[in-house]
Amino acid sequence: MPRTSPTSEFQRIAAIQRELSRVRVAAPHVELGIGDDAAVLAPLKRSVWTVDTQVDGVHFRRDWLTFEDVGYRAVQAAASDLAAMAARPVGALVSLTLPPEFSDRDLARLSRGQALAARDCGCAVVGGNLSRAPCFSITTTLLGEAKRPLLRSTARVGDELWLFGELGLSALGLRALMRGLHRSRALAPALQAWRRPRAQIAAGIALQGRAHAGIDISDGFSGDAAHLAKASGVRVRLDAELLEATFSAAYQAGARSLGIEPLTLALSGGEDYALLATGPRSRRPRGARVIGAIERGRGVAVWRGNKRLPPLASHDHFSR
């Protein structure tokens, strides 16, 4: 089917506004959304801000996703940072750079994906920016609020290590796409986990008053756990057997069908948008799965019984 020719910038902004308005979302803090020079929000307890950029050819390939998928995962990736800080999303600002061949139909689908993701996070898209550029990219700024933001620098020796979400499943979906297995039924859960990730918003909010520290797993467990350990001046001790007990049967079977060790992928894969938190056993929240503990020392130590496993690297944008 031939693409429709793109309309003007202001017509496109109006089209985005129409598409976003079709997805109903409760946004009590939003006094004024899209339509003026800036959005207006009601006062918040403590503002928590984050920004995330998704670039075509770096974070995704358009032949692996629908435009609705692209919009959805862009918002959820940013929302995961708020979940890590026990913050509730309030509003999203989205900046789009679009290449000349980007059609109005593509833009409508992209906007719908963003609107659905924002609704699932409990907030609304309240504004943004639109410009033309050779490369397609989405930058999402999310504002949240928290009574007391959860930090990565406040883990305590003796804390349990809690996991929310599943490690490795999204990375498995990416590996499947890289091998051309776009429509594999056996790998469908993994493909969906990569295409439509879900930030652990509810779990993050439930950590208020329970957890000492938290971080989201977006670049792989090994790297993100190391960030928490360094910031808190402690060692993260992971029990491999406890982590493996969280793996779904679909994940284990899918990983092995591609010749990948499930534990290795869980530790080094990225874009899980799972949530890692630490806290005392007496305050363990419902749904938390204990996978280790915080101890004296530095870095991350992975143990299976009395054997320490070798360290693994995680994702780094500026490292091969």
C-alpha atoms as a PDB file:
ATOM      1  CA  MET A   1       0.000   0.000   0.000  1.00  0.00           C
ATOM      2  CA  PRO A   2       1.500   3.404  -0.940  1.00  0.00           C
ATOM      3  CA  ARG A   3       2.409   5.782   1.859  1.00  0.00           C
ATOM      4  CA  THR A   4       0.421   9.013   2.189  1.00  0.00           C
ATOM      5  CA  SER A   5       2.452  12.198   1.800  1.00  0.00           C
ATOM      6  CA  PRO A   6       3.333  13.938   5.066  1.00  0.00           C
ATOM      7  CA  THR A   7       1.367  17.029   6.111  1.00  0.00           C
ATOM      8  CA  SER A   8       2.684  20.222   7.692  1.00  0.00           C
ATOM      9  CA  GLU A   9       4.266  20.408  11.154  1.00  0.00           C
ATOM     10  CA  PHE A  10       1.211  22.020  12.729  1.00  0.00           C
ATOM     11  CA  GLN A  11      -1.182  19.575  11.088  1.00  0.00           C
ATOM     12  CA  ARG A  12       0.946  16.766  12.464  1.00  0.00           C
ATOM     13  CA  ILE A  13       0.909  18.238  15.966  1.00  0.00           C
ATOM     14  CA  ALA A  14      -2.891  18.434  15.759  1.00  0.00           C
ATOM     15  CA  ALA A  15      -3.002  14.819  14.544  1.00  0.00           C
ATOM     16  CA  ILE A  16      -0.821  13.703  17.471  1.00  0.00           C
ATOM     17  CA  GLN A  17      -3.141  15.525  19.875  1.00  0.00           C
ATOM     18  CA  ARG A  18      -6.185  13.793  18.366  1.00  0.00           C
ATOM     19  CA  GLU A  19      -4.531  10.377  18.597  1.00  0.00           C
ATOM     20  CA  LEU A  20      -3.518  10.893  22.212  1.00  0.00           C
ATOM     21  CA  SER A  21      -7.011  12.039  23.173  1.00  0.00           C
ATOM     22  CA  ARG A  22      -8.495   8.735  21.976  1.00  0.00           C
ATOM     23  CA  VAL A  23      -6.822   6.908  24.872  1.00  0.00           C
ATOM     24  CA  ARG A  24      -8.567   7.865  28.097  1.00  0.00           C
ATOM     25  CA  VAL A  25      -6.342   8.290  31.123  1.00  0.00           C
ATOM     26  CA  ALA A  26      -6.877   9.789  34.576  1.00  0.00           C
ATOM     27  CA  ALA A  27      -4.380  12.624  35.046  1.00  0.00           C
ATOM     28  CA  PRO A  28      -5.374  14.584  38.172  1.00  0.00           C
ATOM     29  CA  HIS A  29      -2.137  16.613  38.298  1.00  0.00           C
ATOM     30  CA  VAL A  30      -2.466  17.874  34.709  1.00  0.00           C
ATOM     31  CA  GLU A  31      -4.146  21.295  34.632  1.00  0.00           C
ATOM     32  CA  LEU A  32      -3.193  22.018  31.020  1.00  0.00           C
ATOM     33  CA  GLY A  33      -1.807  19.509  28.536  1.00  0.00           C
ATOM     34  CA  ILE A  34      -1.083  19.725  24.807  1.00  0.00           C
ATOM     35  CA  GLY A  35      -2.328  22.862  23.057  1.00  0.00           C
ATOM     36  CA  ASP A  36      -0.344  25.743  24.560  1.00  0.00           C
ATOM     37  CA  ASP A  37       3.325  26.733  24.724  1.00  0.00           C
ATOM     38  CA  ALA A  38       3.880  24.553  27.800  1.00  0.00           C
ATOM     39  CA  ALA A  39       2.024  22.144  30.055  1.00  0.00           C
ATOM     40  CA  VAL A  40       0.746  23.154  33.480  1.00  0.00           C
ATOM     41  CA  LEU A  41       0.813  20.683  36.379  1.00  0.00           C
ATOM     42  CA  ALA A  42      -0.512  20.982  39.906  1.00  0.00           C
ATOM     43  CA  PRO A  43       2.062  21.099  42.747  1.00  0.00           C
ATOM     44  CA  LEU A  44       3.673  17.753  43.580  1.00  0.00           C
ATOM     45  CA  LYS A  45       5.110  16.305  46.792  1.00  0.00           C
ATOM     46  CA  ARG A  46       8.613  15.659  45.486  1.00  0.00           C
ATOM     47  CA  SER A  47       9.275  15.851  41.774  1.00  0.00           C
ATOM     48  CA  VAL A  48      11.234  12.992  40.211  1.00  0.00           C
ATOM     49  CA  TRP A  49      12.424  13.510  36.618  1.00  0.00           C
ATOM     50  CA  THR A  50      13.963  11.188  34.070  1.00  0.00           C
ATOM     51  CA  VAL A  51      14.709  11.217  30.337  1.00  0.00           C
ATOM     52  CA  ASP A  52      15.345   8.395  27.866  1.00  0.00           C
ATOM     53  CA  THR A  53      16.189   8.431  24.162  1.00  0.00           C
ATOM     54  CA  GLN A  54      15.442   5.646  21.677  1.00  0.00           C
ATOM     55  CA  VAL A  55      17.285   5.908  18.337  1.00  0.00           C
ATOM     56  CA  ASP A  56      16.456   3.969  15.188  1.00  0.00           C
ATOM     57  CA  GLY A  57      19.256   1.533  14.424  1.00  0.00           C
ATOM     58  CA  VAL A  58      20.675   1.754  17.945  1.00  0.00           C
ATOM     59  CA  HIS A  59      17.817   0.798  20.288  1.00  0.00           C
ATOM     60  CA  PHE A  60      15.505  -0.807  17.733  1.00  0.00           C
ATOM     61  CA  ARG A  61      15.052  -1.691  14.088  1.00  0.00           C
ATOM     62  CA  ARG A  62      11.843  -0.730  12.367  1.00  0.00           C
ATOM     63  CA  ASP A  63      11.577  -4.058  10.590  1.00  0.00           C
ATOM     64  CA  TRP A  64      11.406  -5.765  14.015  1.00  0.00           C
ATOM     65  CA  LEU A  65       8.629  -3.609  15.466  1.00  0.00           C
ATOM     66  CA  THR A  66       5.391  -1.891  14.575  1.00  0.00           C
ATOM     67  CA  PHE A  67       5.362   1.863  15.111  1.00  0.00           C
ATOM     68  CA  GLU A  68       2.907   1.285  17.942  1.00  0.00           C
ATOM     69  CA  ASP A  69       5.514  -0.989  19.558  1.00  0.00           C
ATOM     70  CA  VAL A  70       8.194   1.691  19.143  1.00  0.00           C
ATOM     71  CA  GLY A  71       6.049   4.319  20.861  1.00  0.00           C
ATOM     72  CA  TYR A  72       5.038   1.958  23.637  1.00  0.00           C
ATOM     73  CA  ARG A  73       8.523   0.770  24.560  1.00  0.00           C
ATOM     74  CA  ALA A  74       9.937   4.320  24.472  1.00  0.00           C
ATOM     75  CA  VAL A  75       7.574   5.477  27.224  1.00  0.00           C
ATOM     76  CA  GLN A  76       7.945   2.306  29.291  1.00  0.00           C
ATOM     77  CA  ALA A  77      11.751   2.522  29.176  1.00  0.00           C
ATOM     78  CA  ALA A  78      11.624   5.979  30.743  1.00  0.00           C
ATOM     79  CA  ALA A  79       8.968   4.903  33.254  1.00  0.00           C
ATOM     80  CA  SER A  80      11.232   2.153  34.551  1.00  0.00           C
ATOM     81  CA  ASP A  81      13.547   4.803  36.039  1.00  0.00           C
ATOM     82  CA  LEU A  82      10.631   6.211  38.025  1.00  0.00           C
ATOM     83  CA  ALA A  83       9.707   2.731  39.263  1.00  0.00           C
ATOM     84  CA  ALA A  84      13.259   2.312  40.563  1.00  0.00           C
ATOM     85  CA  MET A  85      12.812   5.432  42.691  1.00  0.00           C
ATOM     86  CA  ALA A  86       9.357   4.460  44.004  1.00  0.00           C
ATOM     87  CA  ALA A  87       7.816   7.351  42.084  1.00  0.00           C
ATOM     88  CA  ARG A  88       4.359   7.543  40.545  1.00  0.00           C
ATOM     89  CA  PRO A  89       4.340   8.846  36.923  1.00  0.00           C
ATOM     90  CA  VAL A  90       2.486  12.128  36.456  1.00  0.00           C
ATOM     91  CA  GLY A  91       3.136  13.341  32.906  1.00  0.00           C
ATOM     92  CA  ALA A  92       5.281  12.710  29.840  1.00  0.00           C
ATOM     93  CA  LEU A  93       6.949  15.076  27.369  1.00  0.00           C
ATOM     94  CA  VAL A  94       7.955  13.532  24.043  1.00  0.00           C
ATOM     95  CA  SER A  95      10.402  14.927  21.485  1.00  0.00           C
ATOM     96  CA  LEU A  96      10.317  13.347  18.022  1.00  0.00           C
ATOM     97  CA  THR A  97      12.790  13.703  15.171  1.00  0.00           C
ATOM     98  CA  LEU A  98      11.321  12.299  11.974  1.00  0.00           C
ATOM     99  CA  PRO A  99      12.992  11.589   8.608  1.00  0.00           C
ATOM    100  CA  PRO A 100      11.334  12.904   5.423  1.00  0.00           C
ATOM    101  CA  GLU A 101       9.826   9.527   4.497  1.00  0.00           C
ATOM    102  CA  PHE A 102       7.944   9.214   7.809  1.00  0.00           C
ATOM    103  CA  SER A 103       4.244   9.135   6.865  1.00  0.00           C
ATOM    104  CA  ASP A 104       1.221  10.504   8.712  1.00  0.00           C
ATOM    105  CA  ARG A 105      -0.030   6.950   9.166  1.00  0.00           C
ATOM    106  CA  ASP A 106       3.278   5.988  10.803  1.00  0.00           C
ATOM    107  CA  LEU A 107       2.998   8.993  13.120  1.00  0.00           C
ATOM    108  CA  ALA A 108      -0.545   8.095  14.151  1.00  0.00           C
ATOM    109  CA  ARG A 109       0.513   4.567  15.072  1.00  0.00           C
ATOM    110  CA  LEU A 110       3.555   5.835  16.957  1.00  0.00           C
ATOM    111  CA  SER A 111       1.401   8.287  18.941  1.00  0.00           C
ATOM    112  CA  ARG A 112      -1.096   5.592  19.791  1.00  0.00           C
ATOM    113  CA  GLY A 113       1.670   3.389  21.203  1.00  0.00           C
ATOM    114  CA  GLN A 114       2.876   6.282  23.346  1.00  0.00           C
ATOM    115  CA  ALA A 115      -0.636   6.995  24.587  1.00  0.00           C
ATOM    116  CA  LEU A 116      -1.266   3.348  25.497  1.00  0.00           C
ATOM    117  CA  ALA A 117       2.025   3.105  27.395  1.00  0.00           C
ATOM    118  CA  ALA A 118       1.353   6.353  29.269  1.00  0.00           C
ATOM    119  CA  ARG A 119      -2.118   5.103  30.199  1.00  0.00           C
ATOM    120  CA  ASP A 120      -0.660   1.826  31.463  1.00  0.00           C
ATOM    121  CA  CYS A 121       1.750   3.863  33.590  1.00  0.00           C
ATOM    122  CA  GLY A 122      -1.112   5.948  34.994  1.00  0.00           C
ATOM    123  CA  CYS A 123      -0.135   9.255  33.399  1.00  0.00           C
ATOM    124  CA  ALA A 124      -0.664  11.280  30.220  1.00  0.00           C
ATOM    125  CA  VAL A 125       1.479  12.707  27.419  1.00  0.00           C
ATOM    126  CA  VAL A 126       1.255  16.444  28.148  1.00  0.00           C
ATOM    127  CA  GLY A 127       3.429  17.915  25.394  1.00  0.00           C
ATOM    128  CA  GLY A 128       6.691  17.728  23.517  1.00  0.00           C
ATOM    129  CA  ASN A 129       8.463  18.761  20.339  1.00  0.00           C
ATOM    130  CA  LEU A 130       8.452  17.735  16.684  1.00  0.00           C
ATOM    131  CA  SER A 131      11.299  18.267  14.215  1.00  0.00           C
ATOM    132  CA  ARG A 132      12.689  16.895  10.976  1.00  0.00           C
ATOM    133  CA  ALA A 133      16.033  15.099  10.884  1.00  0.00           C
ATOM    134  CA  PRO A 134      17.815  12.378   8.864  1.00  0.00           C
ATOM    135  CA  CYS A 135      17.442   9.891  11.744  1.00  0.00           C
ATOM    136  CA  PHE A 136      14.266   8.775  13.522  1.00  0.00           C
ATOM    137  CA  SER A 137      14.469   9.103  17.313  1.00  0.00           C
ATOM    138  CA  ILE A 138      12.197   9.509  20.343  1.00  0.00           C
ATOM    139  CA  THR A 139      13.195  11.285  23.533  1.00  0.00           C
ATOM    140  CA  THR A 140      10.795  10.805  26.434  1.00  0.00           C
ATOM    141  CA  THR A 141      10.929  12.945  29.559  1.00  0.00           C
ATOM    142  CA  LEU A 142       8.816  11.639  32.434  1.00  0.00           C
ATOM    143  CA  LEU A 143       7.828  13.525  35.556  1.00  0.00           C
ATOM    144  CA  GLY A 144       6.862  11.581  38.662  1.00  0.00           C
ATOM    145  CA  GLU A 145       6.222  12.236  42.323  1.00  0.00           C
ATOM    146  CA  ALA A 146       7.270  10.390  45.454  1.00  0.00           C
ATOM    147  CA  LYS A 147       6.894  11.009  49.178  1.00  0.00           C
ATOM    148  CA  ARG A 148      10.464   9.827  49.610  1.00  0.00           C
ATOM    149  CA  PRO A 149      12.401   8.843  46.469  1.00  0.00           C
ATOM    150  CA  LEU A 150      14.206   5.508  46.696  1.00  0.00           C
ATOM    151  CA  LEU A 151      17.940   5.847  46.013  1.00  0.00           C
ATOM    152  CA  ARG A 152      20.629   3.416  44.863  1.00  0.00           C
ATOM    153  CA  SER A 153      23.062   4.728  47.507  1.00  0.00           C
ATOM    154  CA  THR A 154      21.261   3.587  50.675  1.00  0.00           C
ATOM    155  CA  ALA A 155      21.503  -0.229  50.665  1.00  0.00           C
ATOM    156  CA  ARG A 156      22.525  -1.655  54.050  1.00  0.00           C
ATOM    157  CA  VAL A 157      24.604  -4.658  55.001  1.00  0.00           C
ATOM    158  CA  GLY A 158      22.202  -7.451  55.960  1.00  0.00           C
ATOM    159  CA  ASP A 159      19.479  -6.404  53.509  1.00  0.00           C
ATOM    160  CA  GLU A 160      17.797  -9.005  51.343  1.00  0.00           C
ATOM    161  CA  LEU A 161      18.078  -8.591  47.569  1.00  0.00           C
ATOM    162  CA  TRP A 162      14.617  -8.441  45.968  1.00  0.00           C
ATOM    163  CA  LEU A 163      13.680  -8.925  42.308  1.00  0.00           C
ATOM    164  CA  PHE A 164      10.477  -7.804  40.577  1.00  0.00           C
ATOM    165  CA  GLY A 165      10.022  -8.893  36.989  1.00  0.00           C
ATOM    166  CA  GLU A 166      11.973 -11.469  34.965  1.00  0.00           C
ATOM    167  CA  LEU A 167      15.593 -11.222  33.937  1.00  0.00           C
ATOM    168  CA  GLY A 168      16.765 -12.352  30.502  1.00  0.00           C
ATOM    169  CA  LEU A 169      13.403 -12.688  28.749  1.00  0.00           C
ATOM    170  CA  SER A 170      13.656  -9.432  26.801  1.00  0.00           C
ATOM    171  CA  ALA A 171      17.258 -10.139  25.821  1.00  0.00           C
ATOM    172  CA  LEU A 172      16.132 -13.546  24.575  1.00  0.00           C
ATOM    173  CA  GLY A 173      13.541 -11.836  22.392  1.00  0.00           C
ATOM    174  CA  LEU A 174      16.246  -9.626  20.897  1.00  0.00           C
ATOM    175  CA  ARG A 175      18.472 -12.652  20.215  1.00  0.00           C
ATOM    176  CA  ALA A 176      15.537 -14.339  18.468  1.00  0.00           C
ATOM    177  CA  LEU A 177      15.003 -11.299  16.228  1.00  0.00           C
ATOM    178  CA  MET A 178      18.701 -11.148  15.415  1.00  0.00           C
ATOM    179  CA  ARG A 179      18.449 -14.743  14.188  1.00  0.00           C
ATOM    180  CA  GLY A 180      15.405 -13.997  12.049  1.00  0.00           C
ATOM    181  CA  LEU A 181      12.898 -15.783  14.299  1.00  0.00           C
ATOM    182  CA  HIS A 182      10.315 -13.000  14.110  1.00  0.00           C
ATOM    183  CA  ARG A 183       7.245 -15.224  14.334  1.00  0.00           C
ATOM    184  CA  SER A 184       8.387 -18.118  16.506  1.00  0.00           C
ATOM    185  CA  ARG A 185       5.504 -19.346  18.668  1.00  0.00           C
ATOM    186  CA  ALA A 186       7.879 -20.936  21.151  1.00  0.00           C
ATOM    187  CA  LEU A 187       9.669 -17.615  21.585  1.00  0.00           C
ATOM    188  CA  ALA A 188       6.509 -15.460  21.574  1.00  0.00           C
ATOM    189  CA  PRO A 189       6.768 -14.492  25.294  1.00  0.00           C
ATOM    190  CA  ALA A 190      10.352 -13.346  24.761  1.00  0.00           C
ATOM    191  CA  LEU A 191       9.503 -11.409  21.600  1.00  0.00           C
ATOM    192  CA  GLN A 192       6.626  -9.695  23.404  1.00  0.00           C
ATOM    193  CA  ALA A 193       8.862  -8.860  26.388  1.00  0.00           C
ATOM    194  CA  TRP A 194      11.258  -7.001  24.076  1.00  0.00           C
ATOM    195  CA  ARG A 195       8.617  -5.340  21.913  1.00  0.00           C
ATOM    196  CA  ARG A 196       6.269  -4.315  24.731  1.00  0.00           C
ATOM    197  CA  PRO A 197       8.217  -4.071  28.007  1.00  0.00           C
ATOM    198  CA  ARG A 198       6.344  -3.141  31.176  1.00  0.00           C
ATOM    199  CA  ALA A 199       7.919  -0.942  33.835  1.00  0.00           C
ATOM    200  CA  GLN A 200       7.424  -2.216  37.396  1.00  0.00           C
ATOM    201  CA  ILE A 201       5.477   0.873  38.492  1.00  0.00           C
ATOM    202  CA  ALA A 202       3.185  -0.792  41.053  1.00  0.00           C
ATOM    203  CA  ALA A 203       6.064  -2.739  42.590  1.00  0.00           C
ATOM    204  CA  GLY A 204       8.145   0.417  42.851  1.00  0.00           C
ATOM    205  CA  ILE A 205       5.405   2.385  44.580  1.00  0.00           C
ATOM    206  CA  ALA A 206       4.882  -0.517  47.016  1.00  0.00           C
ATOM    207  CA  LEU A 207       8.527  -0.201  48.096  1.00  0.00           C
ATOM    208  CA  GLN A 208       7.793   3.097  49.846  1.00  0.00           C
ATOM    209  CA  GLY A 209       8.579   2.616  53.529  1.00  0.00           C
ATOM    210  CA  ARG A 210       9.857  -0.927  52.954  1.00  0.00           C
ATOM    211  CA  ALA A 211      13.005  -0.862  50.820  1.00  0.00           C
ATOM    212  CA  HIS A 212      16.321   0.806  51.603  1.00  0.00           C
ATOM    213  CA  ALA A 213      17.586   1.078  48.009  1.00  0.00           C
ATOM    214  CA  GLY A 214      16.529   0.317  44.437  1.00  0.00           C
ATOM    215  CA  ILE A 215      17.602   0.366  40.791  1.00  0.00           C
ATOM    216  CA  ASP A 216      16.024  -0.753  37.534  1.00  0.00           C
ATOM    217  CA  ILE A 217      17.647  -3.444  35.389  1.00  0.00           C
ATOM    218  CA  SER A 218      17.916  -1.887  31.943  1.00  0.00           C
ATOM    219  CA  ASP A 219      21.558  -2.545  31.008  1.00  0.00           C
ATOM    220  CA  GLY A 220      21.851  -6.043  32.497  1.00  0.00           C
ATOM    221  CA  PHE A 221      21.941  -7.309  36.078  1.00  0.00           C
ATOM    222  CA  SER A 222      25.743  -7.407  36.346  1.00  0.00           C
ATOM    223  CA  GLY A 223      26.198  -3.750  35.468  1.00  0.00           C
ATOM    224  CA  ASP A 224      23.185  -2.313  37.262  1.00  0.00           C
ATOM    225  CA  ALA A 225      23.795  -4.291  40.450  1.00  0.00           C
ATOM    226  CA  ALA A 226      27.375  -3.005  40.349  1.00  0.00           C
ATOM    227  CA  HIS A 227      26.056   0.582  40.198  1.00  0.00           C
ATOM    228  CA  LEU A 228      23.993  -0.036  43.325  1.00  0.00           C
ATOM    229  CA  ALA A 229      26.923  -1.685  45.099  1.00  0.00           C
ATOM    230  CA  LYS A 230      29.297   1.174  44.275  1.00  0.00           C
ATOM    231  CA  ALA A 231      26.829   3.892  45.257  1.00  0.00           C
ATOM    232  CA  SER A 232      26.083   2.204  48.594  1.00  0.00           C
ATOM    233  CA  GLY A 233      29.626   1.074  49.379  1.00  0.00           C
ATOM    234  CA  VAL A 234      28.592  -2.567  49.737  1.00  0.00           C
ATOM    235  CA  ARG A 235      28.768  -5.896  47.906  1.00  0.00           C
ATOM    236  CA  VAL A 236      25.753  -7.388  46.136  1.00  0.00           C
ATOM    237  CA  ARG A 237      25.774 -11.152  46.658  1.00  0.00           C
ATOM    238  CA  LEU A 238      23.617 -13.046  44.180  1.00  0.00           C
ATOM    239  CA  ASP A 239      22.569 -16.639  44.721  1.00  0.00           C
ATOM    240  CA  ALA A 240      22.458 -18.185  41.229  1.00  0.00           C
ATOM    241  CA  GLU A 241      20.111 -20.959  42.324  1.00  0.00           C
ATOM    242  CA  LEU A 242      17.609 -18.490  43.774  1.00  0.00           C
ATOM    243  CA  LEU A 243      17.718 -16.450  40.564  1.00  0.00           C
ATOM    244  CA  GLU A 244      17.271 -19.543  38.401  1.00  0.00           C
ATOM    245  CA  ALA A 245      14.190 -20.437  40.432  1.00  0.00           C
ATOM    246  CA  THR A 246      12.558 -17.235  39.081  1.00  0.00           C
ATOM    247  CA  PHE A 247      13.031 -18.261  35.441  1.00  0.00           C
ATOM    248  CA  SER A 248       9.863 -19.249  33.621  1.00  0.00           C
ATOM    249  CA  ALA A 249       9.743 -22.555  31.775  1.00  0.00           C
ATOM    250  CA  ALA A 250       9.223 -20.641  28.517  1.00  0.00           C
ATOM    251  CA  TYR A 251      12.374 -18.597  29.099  1.00  0.00           C
ATOM    252  CA  GLN A 252      14.543 -21.594  29.937  1.00  0.00           C
ATOM    253  CA  ALA A 253      13.304 -23.636  26.973  1.00  0.00           C
ATOM    254  CA  GLY A 254      13.624 -20.672  24.604  1.00  0.00           C
ATOM    255  CA  ALA A 255      17.174 -19.843  25.693  1.00  0.00           C
ATOM    256  CA  ARG A 256      18.350 -23.413  25.348  1.00  0.00           C
ATOM    257  CA  SER A 257      16.699 -23.736  21.932  1.00  0.00           C
ATOM    258  CA  LEU A 258      19.049 -20.955  20.780  1.00  0.00           C
ATOM    259  CA  GLY A 259      22.041 -22.523  22.485  1.00  0.00           C
ATOM    260  CA  ILE A 260      22.183 -19.850  25.198  1.00  0.00           C
ATOM    261  CA  GLU A 261      22.730 -20.528  28.899  1.00  0.00           C
ATOM    262  CA  PRO A 262      19.718 -18.962  30.729  1.00  0.00           C
ATOM    263  CA  LEU A 263      21.772 -17.709  33.682  1.00  0.00           C
ATOM    264  CA  THR A 264      24.375 -16.061  31.448  1.00  0.00           C
ATOM    265  CA  LEU A 265      21.726 -14.184  29.478  1.00  0.00           C
ATOM    266  CA  ALA A 266      19.900 -13.128  32.648  1.00  0.00           C
ATOM    267  CA  LEU A 267      23.085 -11.635  34.086  1.00  0.00           C
ATOM    268  CA  SER A 268      24.388  -9.908  30.956  1.00  0.00           C
ATOM    269  CA  GLY A 269      21.289  -9.195  28.854  1.00  0.00           C
ATOM    270  CA  GLY A 270      19.593  -5.787  28.915  1.00  0.00           C
ATOM    271  CA  GLU A 271      16.229  -4.047  28.530  1.00  0.00           C
ATOM    272  CA  ASP A 272      14.501  -6.217  31.114  1.00  0.00           C
ATOM    273  CA  TYR A 273      13.151  -3.140  32.953  1.00  0.00           C
ATOM    274  CA  ALA A 274      12.920  -5.366  36.002  1.00  0.00           C
ATOM    275  CA  LEU A 275      13.356  -3.834  39.438  1.00  0.00           C
ATOM    276  CA  LEU A 276      16.078  -4.674  41.940  1.00  0.00           C
ATOM    277  CA  ALA A 277      15.661  -3.512  45.537  1.00  0.00           C
ATOM    278  CA  THR A 278      17.152  -4.133  48.950  1.00  0.00           C
ATOM    279  CA  GLY A 279      15.502  -4.152  52.330  1.00  0.00           C
ATOM    280  CA  PRO A 280      15.046  -6.015  55.612  1.00  0.00           C
ATOM    281  CA  ARG A 281      13.325  -9.384  55.701  1.00  0.00           C
ATOM    282  CA  SER A 282      10.704  -8.013  58.108  1.00  0.00           C
ATOM    283  CA  ARG A 283       9.543  -5.504  55.473  1.00  0.00           C
ATOM    284  CA  ARG A 284       9.662  -7.728  52.409  1.00  0.00           C
ATOM    285  CA  PRO A 285       6.754  -6.659  50.148  1.00  0.00           C
ATOM    286  CA  ARG A 286       4.339  -9.031  48.467  1.00  0.00           C
ATOM    287  CA  GLY A 287       5.620 -10.204  45.100  1.00  0.00           C
ATOM    288  CA  ALA A 288       9.295  -9.727  45.955  1.00  0.00           C
ATOM    289  CA  ARG A 289      11.515 -12.689  45.111  1.00  0.00           C
ATOM    290  CA  VAL A 290      14.640 -13.009  47.225  1.00  0.00           C
ATOM    291  CA  ILE A 291      17.700 -13.680  45.050  1.00  0.00           C
ATOM    292  CA  GLY A 292      20.550 -12.729  47.354  1.00  0.00           C
ATOM    293  CA  ALA A 293      21.732 -10.318  50.023  1.00  0.00           C
ATOM    294  CA  ILE A 294      23.820  -7.242  50.735  1.00  0.00           C
ATOM    295  CA  GLU A 295      27.125  -7.835  52.505  1.00  0.00           C
ATOM    296  CA  ARG A 296      30.336  -6.042  53.370  1.00  0.00           C
ATOM    297  CA  GLY A 297      32.743  -5.587  50.486  1.00  0.00           C
ATOM    298  CA  ARG A 298      32.651  -4.227  46.947  1.00  0.00           C
ATOM    299  CA  GLY A 299      31.119  -5.058  43.605  1.00  0.00           C
ATOM    300  CA  VAL A 300      28.927  -8.003  42.664  1.00  0.00           C
ATOM    301  CA  ALA A 301      29.574 -11.617  43.651  1.00  0.00           C
ATOM    302  CA  VAL A 302      27.589 -14.452  42.041  1.00  0.00           C
ATOM    303  CA  TRP A 303      27.652 -17.735  43.944  1.00  0.00           C
ATOM    304  CA  ARG A 304      26.319 -21.208  43.252  1.00  0.00           C
ATOM    305  CA  GLY A 305      26.542 -23.039  46.545  1.00  0.00           C
ATOM    306  CA  ASN A 306      30.123 -22.546  47.752  1.00  0.00           C
ATOM    307  CA  LYS A 307      31.511 -21.767  44.289  1.00  0.00           C
ATOM    308  CA  ARG A 308      31.911 -18.183  43.066  1.00  0.00           C
ATOM    309  CA  LEU A 309      31.126 -17.757  39.365  1.00  0.00           C
ATOM    310  CA  PRO A 310      33.170 -15.521  37.030  1.00  0.00           C
ATOM    311  CA  PRO A 311      31.876 -11.953  36.473  1.00  0.00           C
ATOM    312  CA  LEU A 312      29.993 -10.970  33.308  1.00  0.00           C
ATOM    313  CA  ALA A 313      29.844  -7.640  31.508  1.00  0.00           C
ATOM    314  CA  SER A 314      26.602  -5.796  30.771  1.00  0.00           C
ATOM    315  CA  HIS A 315      25.520  -3.278  28.128  1.00  0.00           C
ATOM    316  CA  ASP A 316      27.502  -0.056  27.624  1.00  0.00           C
ATOM    317  CA  HIS A 317      26.637   2.392  24.821  1.00  0.00           C
ATOM    318  CA  PHE A 318      30.265   3.451  24.396  1.00  0.00           C
ATOM    319  CA  SER A 319      32.036   0.118  24.739  1.00  0.00           C
ATOM    320  CA  ARG A 320      32.343  -2.772  22.319  1.00  0.00           C
END
